[in-house]
Amino acid sequence: MGYWLTPFFVVIFEEHLIFRRQVYNLEDWANRKGLPLGLAASLAFSVGVVLAVMGMSQEWYVGPIALKVGGPPFGADIGFELGFASTAILYPPLRFIEKRLVGR
């Protein structure tokens, strides 16, 4: 169940370091028009979770990517790594596009 946490953390961490640069406008939290839509975060997070599930190797489920990497019947548990890498690669360009199109 913890495979969703890695993509979630990556989105928050990259937003904090790359886009906010550790400076927050606390007035925007009460104003909906000052907050981002979250389309980039949602898409990057979703792709990260899907790839994490496809790369997980647990007793009750072994994903197809995990089977290819580690071989049957157990595979290799690379779900966290896939979730981290895909979200870390996808989120910055998607967020730049979102900022350019939406303006926030």
PDB file of N, CA and C in Angstrom:
ATOM      1  N   MET A   1       0.816  -1.197   0.000  1.00  0.00           N
ATOM      2  CA  MET A   1       0.000   0.000   0.000  1.00  0.00           C
ATOM      3  C   MET A   1       0.858   1.259   0.000  1.00  0.00           C
ATOM      4  N   GLY A   2       2.103   1.152   0.332  1.00  0.00           N
ATOM      5  CA  GLY A   2       2.945   2.332   0.413  1.00  0.00           C
ATOM      6  C   GLY A   2       3.587   2.749  -0.896  1.00  0.00           C
ATOM      7  N   TYR A   3       3.233   2.105  -1.988  1.00  0.00           N
ATOM      8  CA  TYR A   3       3.853   2.433  -3.266  1.00  0.00           C
ATOM      9  C   TYR A   3       3.430   3.802  -3.784  1.00  0.00           C
ATOM     10  N   TRP A   4       2.318   4.327  -3.327  1.00  0.00           N
ATOM     11  CA  TRP A   4       1.862   5.645  -3.758  1.00  0.00           C
ATOM     12  C   TRP A   4       2.659   6.760  -3.092  1.00  0.00           C
ATOM     13  N   LEU A   5       3.310   6.465  -1.984  1.00  0.00           N
ATOM     14  CA  LEU A   5       3.981   7.508  -1.207  1.00  0.00           C
ATOM     15  C   LEU A   5       5.182   8.106  -1.929  1.00  0.00           C
ATOM     16  N   THR A   6       5.929   7.304  -2.661  1.00  0.00           N
ATOM     17  CA  THR A   6       7.112   7.814  -3.356  1.00  0.00           C
ATOM     18  C   THR A   6       6.750   8.842  -4.421  1.00  0.00           C
ATOM     19  N   PRO A   7       5.806   8.584  -5.337  1.00  0.00           N
ATOM     20  CA  PRO A   7       5.439   9.630  -6.295  1.00  0.00           C
ATOM     21  C   PRO A   7       4.855  10.879  -5.622  1.00  0.00           C
ATOM     22  N   PHE A   8       4.106  10.698  -4.568  1.00  0.00           N
ATOM     23  CA  PHE A   8       3.535  11.831  -3.837  1.00  0.00           C
ATOM     24  C   PHE A   8       4.643  12.709  -3.258  1.00  0.00           C
ATOM     25  N   PHE A   9       5.625  12.080  -2.631  1.00  0.00           N
ATOM     26  CA  PHE A   9       6.744  12.816  -2.047  1.00  0.00           C
ATOM     27  C   PHE A   9       7.543  13.551  -3.124  1.00  0.00           C
ATOM     28  N   VAL A  10       7.759  12.915  -4.270  1.00  0.00           N
ATOM     29  CA  VAL A  10       8.531  13.537  -5.354  1.00  0.00           C
ATOM     30  C   VAL A  10       7.835  14.797  -5.851  1.00  0.00           C
ATOM     31  N   VAL A  11       6.509  14.747  -6.024  1.00  0.00           N
ATOM     32  CA  VAL A  11       5.769  15.925  -6.487  1.00  0.00           C
ATOM     33  C   VAL A  11       5.908  17.066  -5.483  1.00  0.00           C
ATOM     34  N   ILE A  12       5.726  16.781  -4.212  1.00  0.00           N
ATOM     35  CA  ILE A  12       5.835  17.825  -3.187  1.00  0.00           C
ATOM     36  C   ILE A  12       7.257  18.365  -3.108  1.00  0.00           C
ATOM     37  N   PHE A  13       8.236  17.495  -3.150  1.00  0.00           N
ATOM     38  CA  PHE A  13       9.637  17.900  -3.044  1.00  0.00           C
ATOM     39  C   PHE A  13      10.062  18.765  -4.230  1.00  0.00           C
ATOM     40  N   GLU A  14       9.706  18.356  -5.449  1.00  0.00           N
ATOM     41  CA  GLU A  14      10.085  19.134  -6.628  1.00  0.00           C
ATOM     42  C   GLU A  14       9.340  20.467  -6.682  1.00  0.00           C
ATOM     43  N   GLU A  15       8.087  20.475  -6.265  1.00  0.00           N
ATOM     44  CA  GLU A  15       7.346  21.745  -6.220  1.00  0.00           C
ATOM     45  C   GLU A  15       8.013  22.708  -5.241  1.00  0.00           C
ATOM     46  N   HIS A  16       8.443  22.180  -4.121  1.00  0.00           N
ATOM     47  CA  HIS A  16       9.083  23.010  -3.093  1.00  0.00           C
ATOM     48  C   HIS A  16      10.429  23.553  -3.561  1.00  0.00           C
ATOM     49  N   LEU A  17      11.254  22.700  -4.160  1.00  0.00           N
ATOM     50  CA  LEU A  17      12.611  23.114  -4.521  1.00  0.00           C
ATOM     51  C   LEU A  17      12.709  23.824  -5.865  1.00  0.00           C
ATOM     52  N   ILE A  18      11.943  23.388  -6.866  1.00  0.00           N
ATOM     53  CA  ILE A  18      12.096  23.931  -8.210  1.00  0.00           C
ATOM     54  C   ILE A  18      11.176  25.123  -8.448  1.00  0.00           C
ATOM     55  N   PHE A  19       9.908  24.977  -8.110  1.00  0.00           N
ATOM     56  CA  PHE A  19       8.935  25.982  -8.520  1.00  0.00           C
ATOM     57  C   PHE A  19       8.663  27.037  -7.448  1.00  0.00           C
ATOM     58  N   ARG A  20       8.623  26.658  -6.201  1.00  0.00           N
ATOM     59  CA  ARG A  20       8.385  27.635  -5.140  1.00  0.00           C
ATOM     60  C   ARG A  20       9.691  28.260  -4.649  1.00  0.00           C
ATOM     61  N   ARG A  21      10.772  27.556  -4.822  1.00  0.00           N
ATOM     62  CA  ARG A  21      12.093  27.984  -4.354  1.00  0.00           C
ATOM     63  C   ARG A  21      12.056  28.394  -2.889  1.00  0.00           C
ATOM     64  N   GLN A  22      11.326  27.618  -2.122  1.00  0.00           N
ATOM     65  CA  GLN A  22      11.220  27.768  -0.674  1.00  0.00           C
ATOM     66  C   GLN A  22      10.607  29.098  -0.264  1.00  0.00           C
ATOM     67  N   VAL A  23       9.913  29.780  -1.190  1.00  0.00           N
ATOM     68  CA  VAL A  23       9.227  31.024  -0.878  1.00  0.00           C
ATOM     69  C   VAL A  23       7.741  30.807  -1.132  1.00  0.00           C
ATOM     70  N   TYR A  24       6.922  31.018  -0.112  1.00  0.00           N
ATOM     71  CA  TYR A  24       5.498  30.792  -0.218  1.00  0.00           C
ATOM     72  C   TYR A  24       4.742  32.083   0.064  1.00  0.00           C
ATOM     73  N   ASN A  25       3.720  32.331  -0.735  1.00  0.00           N
ATOM     74  CA  ASN A  25       2.819  33.438  -0.489  1.00  0.00           C
ATOM     75  C   ASN A  25       1.655  32.891   0.330  1.00  0.00           C
ATOM     76  N   LEU A  26       1.641  33.186   1.601  1.00  0.00           N
ATOM     77  CA  LEU A  26       0.634  32.603   2.481  1.00  0.00           C
ATOM     78  C   LEU A  26      -0.759  33.172   2.239  1.00  0.00           C
ATOM     79  N   GLU A  27      -0.855  34.278   1.529  1.00  0.00           N
ATOM     80  CA  GLU A  27      -2.161  34.838   1.196  1.00  0.00           C
ATOM     81  C   GLU A  27      -2.876  34.003   0.128  1.00  0.00           C
ATOM     82  N   ASP A  28      -2.123  33.311  -0.707  1.00  0.00           N
ATOM     83  CA  ASP A  28      -2.729  32.525  -1.782  1.00  0.00           C
ATOM     84  C   ASP A  28      -3.450  31.280  -1.283  1.00  0.00           C
ATOM     85  N   TRP A  29      -3.154  30.832  -0.086  1.00  0.00           N
ATOM     86  CA  TRP A  29      -3.800  29.622   0.403  1.00  0.00           C
ATOM     87  C   TRP A  29      -5.300  29.842   0.615  1.00  0.00           C
ATOM     88  N   ALA A  30      -5.711  31.060   0.865  1.00  0.00           N
ATOM     89  CA  ALA A  30      -7.129  31.358   1.043  1.00  0.00           C
ATOM     90  C   ALA A  30      -7.789  31.763  -0.270  1.00  0.00           C
ATOM     91  N   ASN A  31      -7.003  31.946  -1.319  1.00  0.00           N
ATOM     92  CA  ASN A  31      -7.513  32.376  -2.607  1.00  0.00           C
ATOM     93  C   ASN A  31      -7.329  31.253  -3.627  1.00  0.00           C
ATOM     94  N   ARG A  32      -8.412  30.728  -4.115  1.00  0.00           N
ATOM     95  CA  ARG A  32      -8.349  29.603  -5.038  1.00  0.00           C
ATOM     96  C   ARG A  32      -7.670  29.968  -6.356  1.00  0.00           C
ATOM     97  N   LYS A  33      -7.776  31.212  -6.765  1.00  0.00           N
ATOM     98  CA  LYS A  33      -7.173  31.636  -8.029  1.00  0.00           C
ATOM     99  C   LYS A  33      -5.654  31.743  -7.955  1.00  0.00           C
ATOM    100  N   GLY A  34      -5.083  31.728  -6.761  1.00  0.00           N
ATOM    101  CA  GLY A  34      -3.638  31.797  -6.615  1.00  0.00           C
ATOM    102  C   GLY A  34      -2.963  30.439  -6.583  1.00  0.00           C
ATOM    103  N   LEU A  35      -3.745  29.393  -6.451  1.00  0.00           N
ATOM    104  CA  LEU A  35      -3.192  28.037  -6.362  1.00  0.00           C
ATOM    105  C   LEU A  35      -3.133  27.388  -7.746  1.00  0.00           C
ATOM    106  N   PRO A  36      -2.174  26.498  -7.957  1.00  0.00           N
ATOM    107  CA  PRO A  36      -2.125  25.782  -9.237  1.00  0.00           C
ATOM    108  C   PRO A  36      -3.311  24.834  -9.366  1.00  0.00           C
ATOM    109  N   LEU A  37      -3.647  24.492 -10.607  1.00  0.00           N
ATOM    110  CA  LEU A  37      -4.757  23.569 -10.838  1.00  0.00           C
ATOM    111  C   LEU A  37      -4.428  22.158 -10.375  1.00  0.00           C
ATOM    112  N   GLY A  38      -3.187  21.766 -10.507  1.00  0.00           N
ATOM    113  CA  GLY A  38      -2.773  20.436 -10.086  1.00  0.00           C
ATOM    114  C   GLY A  38      -2.841  19.389 -11.174  1.00  0.00           C
ATOM    115  N   LEU A  39      -3.020  19.825 -12.414  1.00  0.00           N
ATOM    116  CA  LEU A  39      -3.089  18.867 -13.511  1.00  0.00           C
ATOM    117  C   LEU A  39      -1.758  18.149 -13.710  1.00  0.00           C
ATOM    118  N   ALA A  40      -0.669  18.895 -13.638  1.00  0.00           N
ATOM    119  CA  ALA A  40       0.653  18.289 -13.799  1.00  0.00           C
ATOM    120  C   ALA A  40       0.942  17.318 -12.661  1.00  0.00           C
ATOM    121  N   ALA A  41       0.605  17.716 -11.450  1.00  0.00           N
ATOM    122  CA  ALA A  41       0.840  16.848 -10.299  1.00  0.00           C
ATOM    123  C   ALA A  41       0.001  15.577 -10.390  1.00  0.00           C
ATOM    124  N   SER A  42      -1.241  15.718 -10.788  1.00  0.00           N
ATOM    125  CA  SER A  42      -2.126  14.553 -10.894  1.00  0.00           C
ATOM    126  C   SER A  42      -1.646  13.570 -11.957  1.00  0.00           C
ATOM    127  N   LEU A  43      -1.244  14.105 -13.106  1.00  0.00           N
ATOM    128  CA  LEU A  43      -0.789  13.224 -14.180  1.00  0.00           C
ATOM    129  C   LEU A  43       0.526  12.534 -13.817  1.00  0.00           C
ATOM    130  N   ALA A  44       1.497  13.293 -13.307  1.00  0.00           N
ATOM    131  CA  ALA A  44       2.785  12.695 -12.933  1.00  0.00           C
ATOM    132  C   ALA A  44       2.606  11.677 -11.807  1.00  0.00           C
ATOM    133  N   PHE A  45       1.768  11.993 -10.827  1.00  0.00           N
ATOM    134  CA  PHE A  45       1.498  11.077  -9.726  1.00  0.00           C
ATOM    135  C   PHE A  45       0.837   9.800 -10.233  1.00  0.00           C
ATOM    136  N   SER A  46      -0.136   9.936 -11.122  1.00  0.00           N
ATOM    137  CA  SER A  46      -0.845   8.757 -11.646  1.00  0.00           C
ATOM    138  C   SER A  46       0.083   7.836 -12.426  1.00  0.00           C
ATOM    139  N   VAL A  47       0.907   8.415 -13.275  1.00  0.00           N
ATOM    140  CA  VAL A  47       1.864   7.601 -14.031  1.00  0.00           C
ATOM    141  C   VAL A  47       2.843   6.912 -13.074  1.00  0.00           C
ATOM    142  N   GLY A  48       3.301   7.642 -12.057  1.00  0.00           N
ATOM    143  CA  GLY A  48       4.220   7.061 -11.073  1.00  0.00           C
ATOM    144  C   GLY A  48       3.606   5.895 -10.324  1.00  0.00           C
ATOM    145  N   VAL A  49       2.347   6.021  -9.933  1.00  0.00           N
ATOM    146  CA  VAL A  49       1.683   4.938  -9.196  1.00  0.00           C
ATOM    147  C   VAL A  49       1.455   3.731 -10.111  1.00  0.00           C
ATOM    148  N   VAL A  50       1.049   3.972 -11.341  1.00  0.00           N
ATOM    149  CA  VAL A  50       0.825   2.854 -12.269  1.00  0.00           C
ATOM    150  C   VAL A  50       2.127   2.097 -12.511  1.00  0.00           C
ATOM    151  N   LEU A  51       3.216   2.810 -12.743  1.00  0.00           N
ATOM    152  CA  LEU A  51       4.498   2.131 -12.954  1.00  0.00           C
ATOM    153  C   LEU A  51       5.001   1.454 -11.681  1.00  0.00           C
ATOM    154  N   ALA A  52       4.708   2.037 -10.523  1.00  0.00           N
ATOM    155  CA  ALA A  52       5.096   1.394  -9.267  1.00  0.00           C
ATOM    156  C   ALA A  52       4.357   0.072  -9.087  1.00  0.00           C
ATOM    157  N   VAL A  53       3.093   0.051  -9.420  1.00  0.00           N
ATOM    158  CA  VAL A  53       2.317  -1.192  -9.308  1.00  0.00           C
ATOM    159  C   VAL A  53       2.811  -2.222 -10.321  1.00  0.00           C
ATOM    160  N   MET A  54       3.168  -1.769 -11.498  1.00  0.00           N
ATOM    161  CA  MET A  54       3.665  -2.706 -12.505  1.00  0.00           C
ATOM    162  C   MET A  54       5.045  -3.261 -12.148  1.00  0.00           C
ATOM    163  N   GLY A  55       5.771  -2.563 -11.293  1.00  0.00           N
ATOM    164  CA  GLY A  55       7.092  -3.022 -10.903  1.00  0.00           C
ATOM    165  C   GLY A  55       7.160  -3.641  -9.522  1.00  0.00           C
ATOM    166  N   MET A  56       6.017  -3.799  -8.870  1.00  0.00           N
ATOM    167  CA  MET A  56       6.052  -4.356  -7.516  1.00  0.00           C
ATOM    168  C   MET A  56       6.056  -5.878  -7.530  1.00  0.00           C
ATOM    169  N   SER A  57       6.701  -6.439  -6.536  1.00  0.00           N
ATOM    170  CA  SER A  57       6.760  -7.886  -6.378  1.00  0.00           C
ATOM    171  C   SER A  57       6.428  -8.212  -4.927  1.00  0.00           C
ATOM    172  N   GLN A  58       5.188  -8.591  -4.710  1.00  0.00           N
ATOM    173  CA  GLN A  58       4.709  -8.942  -3.379  1.00  0.00           C
ATOM    174  C   GLN A  58       4.195 -10.375  -3.394  1.00  0.00           C
ATOM    175  N   GLU A  59       3.885 -10.876  -2.246  1.00  0.00           N
ATOM    176  CA  GLU A  59       3.413 -12.250  -2.162  1.00  0.00           C
ATOM    177  C   GLU A  59       2.094 -12.435  -2.910  1.00  0.00           C
ATOM    178  N   TRP A  60       1.232 -11.444  -2.881  1.00  0.00           N
ATOM    179  CA  TRP A  60      -0.084 -11.546  -3.478  1.00  0.00           C
ATOM    180  C   TRP A  60      -0.163 -11.005  -4.910  1.00  0.00           C
ATOM    181  N   TYR A  61       0.871 -10.287  -5.359  1.00  0.00           N
ATOM    182  CA  TYR A  61       0.860  -9.732  -6.715  1.00  0.00           C
ATOM    183  C   TYR A  61       2.285  -9.482  -7.174  1.00  0.00           C
ATOM    184  N   VAL A  62       2.558  -9.869  -8.411  1.00  0.00           N
ATOM    185  CA  VAL A  62       3.844  -9.579  -9.042  1.00  0.00           C
ATOM    186  C   VAL A  62       3.538  -8.897 -10.370  1.00  0.00           C
ATOM    187  N   GLY A  63       4.021  -7.663 -10.512  1.00  0.00           N
ATOM    188  CA  GLY A  63       3.755  -6.887 -11.712  1.00  0.00           C
ATOM    189  C   GLY A  63       4.523  -7.398 -12.917  1.00  0.00           C
ATOM    190  N   PRO A  64       4.056  -7.036 -14.129  1.00  0.00           N
ATOM    191  CA  PRO A  64       4.699  -7.532 -15.351  1.00  0.00           C
ATOM    192  C   PRO A  64       6.133  -7.027 -15.533  1.00  0.00           C
ATOM    193  N   ILE A  65       6.410  -5.811 -15.126  1.00  0.00           N
ATOM    194  CA  ILE A  65       7.784  -5.301 -15.251  1.00  0.00           C
ATOM    195  C   ILE A  65       8.690  -6.012 -14.253  1.00  0.00           C
ATOM    196  N   ALA A  66       8.189  -6.261 -13.057  1.00  0.00           N
ATOM    197  CA  ALA A  66       8.978  -6.980 -12.050  1.00  0.00           C
ATOM    198  C   ALA A  66       9.307  -8.390 -12.522  1.00  0.00           C
ATOM    199  N   LEU A  67       8.373  -9.040 -13.202  1.00  0.00           N
ATOM    200  CA  LEU A  67       8.628 -10.387 -13.732  1.00  0.00           C
ATOM    201  C   LEU A  67       9.703 -10.365 -14.809  1.00  0.00           C
ATOM    202  N   LYS A  68       9.684  -9.347 -15.654  1.00  0.00           N
ATOM    203  CA  LYS A  68      10.689  -9.256 -16.725  1.00  0.00           C
ATOM    204  C   LYS A  68      12.083  -9.013 -16.164  1.00  0.00           C
ATOM    205  N   VAL A  69      12.171  -8.224 -15.102  1.00  0.00           N
ATOM    206  CA  VAL A  69      13.479  -7.883 -14.533  1.00  0.00           C
ATOM    207  C   VAL A  69      14.039  -9.029 -13.703  1.00  0.00           C
ATOM    208  N   GLY A  70      13.199  -9.610 -12.850  1.00  0.00           N
ATOM    209  CA  GLY A  70      13.690 -10.624 -11.930  1.00  0.00           C
ATOM    210  C   GLY A  70      13.425 -12.047 -12.348  1.00  0.00           C
ATOM    211  N   GLY A  71      12.550 -12.246 -13.285  1.00  0.00           N
ATOM    212  CA  GLY A  71      12.223 -13.593 -13.732  1.00  0.00           C
ATOM    213  C   GLY A  71      11.167 -14.251 -12.867  1.00  0.00           C
ATOM    214  N   PRO A  72      10.402 -15.175 -13.457  1.00  0.00           N
ATOM    215  CA  PRO A  72       9.348 -15.864 -12.708  1.00  0.00           C
ATOM    216  C   PRO A  72       9.937 -16.773 -11.644  1.00  0.00           C
ATOM    217  N   PRO A  73       9.247 -17.095 -10.604  1.00  0.00           N
ATOM    218  CA  PRO A  73       7.892 -16.693 -10.263  1.00  0.00           C
ATOM    219  C   PRO A  73       7.845 -15.447  -9.376  1.00  0.00           C
ATOM    220  N   PHE A  74       8.996 -14.958  -8.893  1.00  0.00           N
ATOM    221  CA  PHE A  74       8.973 -13.894  -7.892  1.00  0.00           C
ATOM    222  C   PHE A  74       9.258 -12.514  -8.452  1.00  0.00           C
ATOM    223  N   GLY A  75      10.058 -12.391  -9.458  1.00  0.00           N
ATOM    224  CA  GLY A  75      10.394 -11.093 -10.023  1.00  0.00           C
ATOM    225  C   GLY A  75      11.306 -10.289  -9.110  1.00  0.00           C
ATOM    226  N   ALA A  76      11.479  -9.042  -9.448  1.00  0.00           N
ATOM    227  CA  ALA A  76      12.300  -8.122  -8.649  1.00  0.00           C
ATOM    228  C   ALA A  76      11.444  -6.922  -8.285  1.00  0.00           C
ATOM    229  N   ASP A  77      11.448  -6.548  -7.033  1.00  0.00           N
ATOM    230  CA  ASP A  77      10.621  -5.437  -6.563  1.00  0.00           C
ATOM    231  C   ASP A  77      11.297  -4.113  -6.905  1.00  0.00           C
ATOM    232  N   ILE A  78      10.917  -3.545  -8.031  1.00  0.00           N
ATOM    233  CA  ILE A  78      11.475  -2.261  -8.450  1.00  0.00           C
ATOM    234  C   ILE A  78      10.381  -1.195  -8.516  1.00  0.00           C
ATOM    235  N   GLY A  79       9.298  -1.411  -7.801  1.00  0.00           N
ATOM    236  CA  GLY A  79       8.167  -0.490  -7.825  1.00  0.00           C
ATOM    237  C   GLY A  79       8.508   0.898  -7.314  1.00  0.00           C
ATOM    238  N   PHE A  80       9.221   0.979  -6.197  1.00  0.00           N
ATOM    239  CA  PHE A  80       9.581   2.285  -5.642  1.00  0.00           C
ATOM    240  C   PHE A  80      10.486   3.057  -6.604  1.00  0.00           C
ATOM    241  N   GLU A  81      11.435   2.355  -7.193  1.00  0.00           N
ATOM    242  CA  GLU A  81      12.363   3.013  -8.116  1.00  0.00           C
ATOM    243  C   GLU A  81      11.648   3.517  -9.368  1.00  0.00           C
ATOM    244  N   LEU A  82      10.736   2.705  -9.911  1.00  0.00           N
ATOM    245  CA  LEU A  82       9.982   3.121 -11.090  1.00  0.00           C
ATOM    246  C   LEU A  82       9.075   4.308 -10.774  1.00  0.00           C
ATOM    247  N   GLY A  83       8.422   4.262  -9.633  1.00  0.00           N
ATOM    248  CA  GLY A  83       7.561   5.377  -9.234  1.00  0.00           C
ATOM    249  C   GLY A  83       8.342   6.651  -9.028  1.00  0.00           C
ATOM    250  N   PHE A  84       9.495   6.542  -8.384  1.00  0.00           N
ATOM    251  CA  PHE A  84      10.341   7.714  -8.138  1.00  0.00           C
ATOM    252  C   PHE A  84      10.854   8.309  -9.445  1.00  0.00           C
ATOM    253  N   ALA A  85      11.437   7.471 -10.285  1.00  0.00           N
ATOM    254  CA  ALA A  85      12.067   7.956 -11.518  1.00  0.00           C
ATOM    255  C   ALA A  85      11.046   8.548 -12.480  1.00  0.00           C
ATOM    256  N   SER A  86       9.934   7.873 -12.674  1.00  0.00           N
ATOM    257  CA  SER A  86       8.951   8.379 -13.637  1.00  0.00           C
ATOM    258  C   SER A  86       8.343   9.693 -13.172  1.00  0.00           C
ATOM    259  N   THR A  87       8.038   9.810 -11.896  1.00  0.00           N
ATOM    260  CA  THR A  87       7.468  11.056 -11.390  1.00  0.00           C
ATOM    261  C   THR A  87       8.491  12.177 -11.416  1.00  0.00           C
ATOM    262  N   ALA A  88       9.727  11.876 -11.044  1.00  0.00           N
ATOM    263  CA  ALA A  88      10.777  12.902 -11.037  1.00  0.00           C
ATOM    264  C   ALA A  88      11.070  13.408 -12.440  1.00  0.00           C
ATOM    265  N   ILE A  89      10.937  12.560 -13.439  1.00  0.00           N
ATOM    266  CA  ILE A  89      11.203  12.974 -14.821  1.00  0.00           C
ATOM    267  C   ILE A  89       9.996  13.707 -15.413  1.00  0.00           C
ATOM    268  N   LEU A  90       8.787  13.251 -15.118  1.00  0.00           N
ATOM    269  CA  LEU A  90       7.592  13.823 -15.737  1.00  0.00           C
ATOM    270  C   LEU A  90       7.134  15.142 -15.119  1.00  0.00           C
ATOM    271  N   TYR A  91       7.224  15.281 -13.807  1.00  0.00           N
ATOM    272  CA  TYR A  91       6.600  16.426 -13.155  1.00  0.00           C
ATOM    273  C   TYR A  91       7.162  17.787 -13.572  1.00  0.00           C
ATOM    274  N   PRO A  92       8.488  18.007 -13.610  1.00  0.00           N
ATOM    275  CA  PRO A  92       8.963  19.356 -13.968  1.00  0.00           C
ATOM    276  C   PRO A  92       8.508  19.854 -15.336  1.00  0.00           C
ATOM    277  N   PRO A  93       8.631  19.069 -16.424  1.00  0.00           N
ATOM    278  CA  PRO A  93       8.150  19.622 -17.697  1.00  0.00           C
ATOM    279  C   PRO A  93       6.632  19.825 -17.730  1.00  0.00           C
ATOM    280  N   LEU A  94       5.888  18.923 -17.097  1.00  0.00           N
ATOM    281  CA  LEU A  94       4.439  19.093 -17.057  1.00  0.00           C
ATOM    282  C   LEU A  94       4.046  20.338 -16.266  1.00  0.00           C
ATOM    283  N   ARG A  95       4.766  20.603 -15.179  1.00  0.00           N
ATOM    284  CA  ARG A  95       4.461  21.791 -14.363  1.00  0.00           C
ATOM    285  C   ARG A  95       4.830  23.069 -15.096  1.00  0.00           C
ATOM    286  N   PHE A  96       5.951  23.068 -15.835  1.00  0.00           N
ATOM    287  CA  PHE A  96       6.308  24.241 -16.634  1.00  0.00           C
ATOM    288  C   PHE A  96       5.229  24.523 -17.687  1.00  0.00           C
ATOM    289  N   ILE A  97       4.719  23.464 -18.315  1.00  0.00           N
ATOM    290  CA  ILE A  97       3.656  23.625 -19.302  1.00  0.00           C
ATOM    291  C   ILE A  97       2.390  24.160 -18.631  1.00  0.00           C
ATOM    292  N   GLU A  98       2.058  23.607 -17.469  1.00  0.00           N
ATOM    293  CA  GLU A  98       0.881  24.072 -16.743  1.00  0.00           C
ATOM    294  C   GLU A  98       1.017  25.544 -16.353  1.00  0.00           C
ATOM    295  N   LYS A  99       2.193  25.941 -15.880  1.00  0.00           N
ATOM    296  CA  LYS A  99       2.408  27.348 -15.519  1.00  0.00           C
ATOM    297  C   LYS A  99       2.292  28.260 -16.734  1.00  0.00           C
ATOM    298  N   ARG A 100       2.795  27.809 -17.864  1.00  0.00           N
ATOM    299  CA  ARG A 100       2.750  28.632 -19.082  1.00  0.00           C
ATOM    300  C   ARG A 100       1.307  28.769 -19.593  1.00  0.00           C
ATOM    301  N   LEU A 101       0.533  27.696 -19.569  1.00  0.00           N
ATOM    302  CA  LEU A 101      -0.820  27.729 -20.096  1.00  0.00           C
ATOM    303  C   LEU A 101      -1.817  28.370 -19.143  1.00  0.00           C
ATOM    304  N   VAL A 102      -1.692  28.057 -17.848  1.00  0.00           N
ATOM    305  CA  VAL A 102      -2.662  28.547 -16.860  1.00  0.00           C
ATOM    306  C   VAL A 102      -2.176  29.852 -16.225  1.00  0.00           C
ATOM    307  N   GLY A 103      -0.881  29.988 -16.045  1.00  0.00           N
ATOM    308  CA  GLY A 103      -0.340  31.203 -15.461  1.00  0.00           C
ATOM    309  C   GLY A 103      -0.205  31.180 -13.959  1.00  0.00           C
ATOM    310  N   ARG A 104      -0.410  30.048 -13.344  1.00  0.00           N
ATOM    311  CA  ARG A 104      -0.220  29.959 -11.895  1.00  0.00           C
ATOM    312  C   ARG A 104       0.314  28.625 -11.509  1.00  0.00           C
TER     313      ARG A 104
END
